[in-house]
C-alpha atoms as a PDB file:
ATOM      1  CA  GLN A   1     107.866 101.516  62.355  1.00  0.00           C
ATOM      2  CA  VAL A   2     106.802 103.660  65.300  1.00  0.00           C
ATOM      3  CA  GLN A   3     109.049 103.794  68.329  1.00  0.00           C
ATOM      4  CA  LEU A   4     108.262 105.153  71.776  1.00  0.00           C
ATOM      5  CA  VAL A   5     110.496 106.793  74.334  1.00  0.00           C
ATOM      6  CA  GLU A   6     109.222 107.495  77.840  1.00  0.00           C
ATOM      7  CA  SER A   7     110.663 109.934  80.337  1.00  0.00           C
ATOM      8  CA  GLY A   8     109.790 111.712  83.532  1.00  0.00           C
ATOM      9  CA  GLY A   9     109.788 108.933  86.061  1.00  0.00           C
ATOM     10  CA  GLY A  10     111.403 109.407  89.433  1.00  0.00           C
ATOM     11  CA  LEU A  11     110.938 109.582  93.160  1.00  0.00           C
ATOM     12  CA  VAL A  12     108.118 111.635  94.637  1.00  0.00           C
ATOM     13  CA  GLN A  13     106.548 111.885  98.059  1.00  0.00           C
ATOM     14  CA  ALA A  14     103.007 110.736  98.626  1.00  0.00           C
ATOM     15  CA  GLY A  15     100.641 113.569  97.853  1.00  0.00           C
ATOM     16  CA  GLY A  16     102.999 114.988  95.282  1.00  0.00           C
ATOM     17  CA  SER A  17     102.861 115.247  91.516  1.00  0.00           C
ATOM     18  CA  LEU A  18     104.848 113.975  88.586  1.00  0.00           C
ATOM     19  CA  ARG A  19     104.550 114.315  84.818  1.00  0.00           C
ATOM     20  CA  LEU A  20     105.493 111.557  82.418  1.00  0.00           C
ATOM     21  CA  SER A  21     106.182 112.030  78.734  1.00  0.00           C
ATOM     22  CA  CYS A  22     106.147 109.626  75.818  1.00  0.00           C
ATOM     23  CA  THR A  23     107.367 110.644  72.395  1.00  0.00           C
ATOM     24  CA  ALA A  24     106.543 108.662  69.296  1.00  0.00           C
ATOM     25  CA  SER A  25     108.801 108.657  66.275  1.00  0.00           C
ATOM     26  CA  GLY A  26     108.189 107.326  62.812  1.00  0.00           C
ATOM     27  CA  PRO A  27     106.451 108.495  59.643  1.00  0.00           C
ATOM     28  CA  THR A  28     102.972 107.529  60.840  1.00  0.00           C
ATOM     29  CA  ALA A  29     103.381 108.309  64.518  1.00  0.00           C
ATOM     30  CA  SER A  30     100.874 111.155  64.417  1.00  0.00           C
ATOM     31  CA  THR A  31      98.076 108.765  63.493  1.00  0.00           C
ATOM     32  CA  TYR A  32      98.455 106.503  66.505  1.00  0.00           C
ATOM     33  CA  ALA A  33      96.337 106.406  69.614  1.00  0.00           C
ATOM     34  CA  MET A  34      98.641 106.370  72.622  1.00  0.00           C
ATOM     35  CA  GLY A  35      98.262 105.458  76.228  1.00  0.00           C
ATOM     36  CA  TRP A  36      99.778 104.433  79.522  1.00  0.00           C
ATOM     37  CA  PHE A  37      99.851 101.246  81.515  1.00  0.00           C
ATOM     38  CA  ARG A  38     101.585 100.531  84.780  1.00  0.00           C
ATOM     39  CA  GLN A  39     102.845  97.541  86.680  1.00  0.00           C
ATOM     40  CA  ALA A  40     103.819  97.379  90.311  1.00  0.00           C
ATOM     41  CA  PRO A  41     106.098  94.648  91.664  1.00  0.00           C
ATOM     42  CA  GLY A  42     104.148  91.462  92.164  1.00  0.00           C
ATOM     43  CA  LYS A  43     101.026  92.872  90.547  1.00  0.00           C
ATOM     44  CA  GLU A  44      99.443  92.573  87.152  1.00  0.00           C
ATOM     45  CA  ARG A  45      99.795  95.270  84.547  1.00  0.00           C
ATOM     46  CA  GLU A  46      97.029  97.858  84.771  1.00  0.00           C
ATOM     47  CA  PHE A  47      95.470 100.214  82.242  1.00  0.00           C
ATOM     48  CA  VAL A  48      95.980 103.848  83.197  1.00  0.00           C
ATOM     49  CA  ALA A  49      94.909 106.159  80.391  1.00  0.00           C
ATOM     50  CA  LEU A  50      94.389 106.418  76.644  1.00  0.00           C
ATOM     51  CA  ILE A  51      94.209 109.326  74.211  1.00  0.00           C
ATOM     52  CA  SER A  52      93.212 109.442  70.572  1.00  0.00           C
ATOM     53  CA  TRP A  53      95.541 110.568  67.812  1.00  0.00           C
ATOM     54  CA  SER A  54      93.877 113.984  67.767  1.00  0.00           C
ATOM     55  CA  GLY A  55      93.790 114.311  71.536  1.00  0.00           C
ATOM     56  CA  GLY A  56      90.047 114.761  71.444  1.00  0.00           C
ATOM     57  CA  THR A  57      89.096 111.539  73.199  1.00  0.00           C
ATOM     58  CA  THR A  58      90.463 110.214  76.455  1.00  0.00           C
ATOM     59  CA  TYR A  59      89.817 107.277  78.752  1.00  0.00           C
ATOM     60  CA  TYR A  60      91.047 106.565  82.264  1.00  0.00           C
ATOM     61  CA  GLY A  61      91.338 103.591  84.515  1.00  0.00           C
ATOM     62  CA  ASP A  62      89.139 103.729  87.583  1.00  0.00           C
ATOM     63  CA  ALA A  63      92.110 103.925  89.935  1.00  0.00           C
ATOM     64  CA  VAL A  64      93.368 107.203  88.485  1.00  0.00           C
ATOM     65  CA  LYS A  65      90.209 109.069  87.491  1.00  0.00           C
ATOM     66  CA  GLY A  66      90.181 112.568  88.883  1.00  0.00           C
ATOM     67  CA  ARG A  67      93.894 112.498  89.746  1.00  0.00           C
ATOM     68  CA  PHE A  68      95.667 111.832  86.461  1.00  0.00           C
ATOM     69  CA  THR A  69      95.327 113.719  83.205  1.00  0.00           C
ATOM     70  CA  ILE A  70      96.504 112.518  79.823  1.00  0.00           C
ATOM     71  CA  SER A  71      97.189 115.076  77.119  1.00  0.00           C
ATOM     72  CA  ARG A  72      98.814 115.242  73.738  1.00  0.00           C
ATOM     73  CA  ASP A  73     100.986 117.659  71.810  1.00  0.00           C
ATOM     74  CA  THR A  74     100.266 116.623  68.243  1.00  0.00           C
ATOM     75  CA  ALA A  75     103.048 118.787  66.836  1.00  0.00           C
ATOM     76  CA  LYS A  76     105.601 116.900  68.918  1.00  0.00           C
ATOM     77  CA  ASN A  77     103.938 113.464  68.727  1.00  0.00           C
ATOM     78  CA  THR A  78     104.203 113.448  72.483  1.00  0.00           C
ATOM     79  CA  ILE A  79     101.741 112.495  75.154  1.00  0.00           C
ATOM     80  CA  TYR A  80     101.895 113.472  78.776  1.00  0.00           C
ATOM     81  CA  LEU A  81     100.549 111.952  81.928  1.00  0.00           C
ATOM     82  CA  GLN A  82     100.105 114.492  84.688  1.00  0.00           C
ATOM     83  CA  MET A  83      99.860 112.581  87.952  1.00  0.00           C
ATOM     84  CA  ASN A  84      98.583 114.398  91.033  1.00  0.00           C
ATOM     85  CA  SER A  85      97.832 113.314  94.589  1.00  0.00           C
ATOM     86  CA  LEU A  86     100.119 110.350  94.210  1.00  0.00           C
ATOM     87  CA  THR A  87      99.940 107.480  96.663  1.00  0.00           C
ATOM     88  CA  THR A  88     102.177 104.490  97.217  1.00  0.00           C
ATOM     89  CA  GLU A  89      99.645 102.497  95.211  1.00  0.00           C
ATOM     90  CA  ASP A  90     100.668 104.497  92.138  1.00  0.00           C
ATOM     91  CA  ALA A  91     104.261 103.308  92.242  1.00  0.00           C
ATOM     92  CA  GLY A  92     105.534 101.035  89.518  1.00  0.00           C
ATOM     93  CA  VAL A  93     106.863 100.954  86.014  1.00  0.00           C
ATOM     94  CA  TYR A  94     104.799 103.038  83.631  1.00  0.00           C
ATOM     95  CA  TYR A  95     104.700 101.863  80.045  1.00  0.00           C
ATOM     96  CA  CYS A  96     103.654 103.873  77.037  1.00  0.00           C
ATOM     97  CA  ALA A  97     101.858 102.053  74.229  1.00  0.00           C
ATOM     98  CA  ALA A  98     100.580 102.991  70.798  1.00  0.00           C
ATOM     99  CA  ASP A  99      98.222 101.517  68.274  1.00  0.00           C
ATOM    100  CA  GLN A 100      96.624 102.792  65.116  1.00  0.00           C
ATOM    101  CA  ASN A 101      93.177 102.125  66.540  1.00  0.00           C
ATOM    102  CA  MET A 102      91.353 102.934  69.763  1.00  0.00           C
ATOM    103  CA  ARG A 103      89.996  99.430  69.861  1.00  0.00           C
ATOM    104  CA  SER A 104      88.759  97.217  72.637  1.00  0.00           C
ATOM    105  CA  SER A 105      92.221  95.699  72.999  1.00  0.00           C
ATOM    106  CA  TRP A 106      93.228  98.696  75.069  1.00  0.00           C
ATOM    107  CA  PHE A 107      90.743  97.664  77.767  1.00  0.00           C
ATOM    108  CA  ALA A 108      91.200  93.898  77.808  1.00  0.00           C
ATOM    109  CA  ALA A 109      94.232  92.558  79.615  1.00  0.00           C
ATOM    110  CA  SER A 110      94.207  89.427  77.483  1.00  0.00           C
ATOM    111  CA  ALA A 111      94.629  91.582  74.365  1.00  0.00           C
ATOM    112  CA  TRP A 112      97.286  94.030  75.488  1.00  0.00           C
ATOM    113  CA  SER A 113     100.015  92.057  73.791  1.00  0.00           C
ATOM    114  CA  SER A 114      98.325  92.835  70.468  1.00  0.00           C
ATOM    115  CA  LEU A 115      98.895  96.578  70.794  1.00  0.00           C
ATOM    116  CA  GLU A 116     101.385  97.516  68.115  1.00  0.00           C
ATOM    117  CA  VAL A 117     104.099  99.344  69.993  1.00  0.00           C
ATOM    118  CA  TRP A 118     105.356  99.421  73.576  1.00  0.00           C
ATOM    119  CA  GLY A 119     107.942 101.591  75.229  1.00  0.00           C
ATOM    120  CA  GLN A 120     110.621 100.395  77.621  1.00  0.00           C
ATOM    121  CA  GLY A 121     108.963 101.860  80.682  1.00  0.00           C
ATOM    122  CA  THR A 122     109.829 104.503  83.222  1.00  0.00           C
ATOM    123  CA  LEU A 123     109.927 103.902  86.949  1.00  0.00           C
ATOM    124  CA  VAL A 124     107.779 105.883  89.361  1.00  0.00           C
ATOM    125  CA  THR A 125     108.561 105.561  93.048  1.00  0.00           C
ATOM    126  CA  VAL A 126     106.292 107.080  95.673  1.00  0.00           C
ATOM    127  CA  SER A 127     107.601 107.416  99.200  1.00  0.00           C
ATOM    128  CA  SER A 128     105.251 107.464 102.176  1.00  0.00           C
END
């Protein structure tokens, strides 16, 4: 069973940067696609970014394209989310997720619950 542990959340000023990490553990962790979602208070969960098990393929949500970068250290089974030019709209709880497939479920809110593994979340606060 794969487990996920997120870290790196915190308080940052608008315009600043922050890097989140998510480490997967388990015998098959290296074969999982991994990604990030976020949820702000009173808002629906939102897809942020996705990376393949090899790190060779990435996808981004429209709201973060050009500002956020997802990357992967395959040796550590860890993904990173480098967040630049942060705004108050980026604040919320960021959740790491993993699934053995880069399937359409990653992009359909109605199917997110079918993704195999979810982390506990890490809080990002952006001050204006």
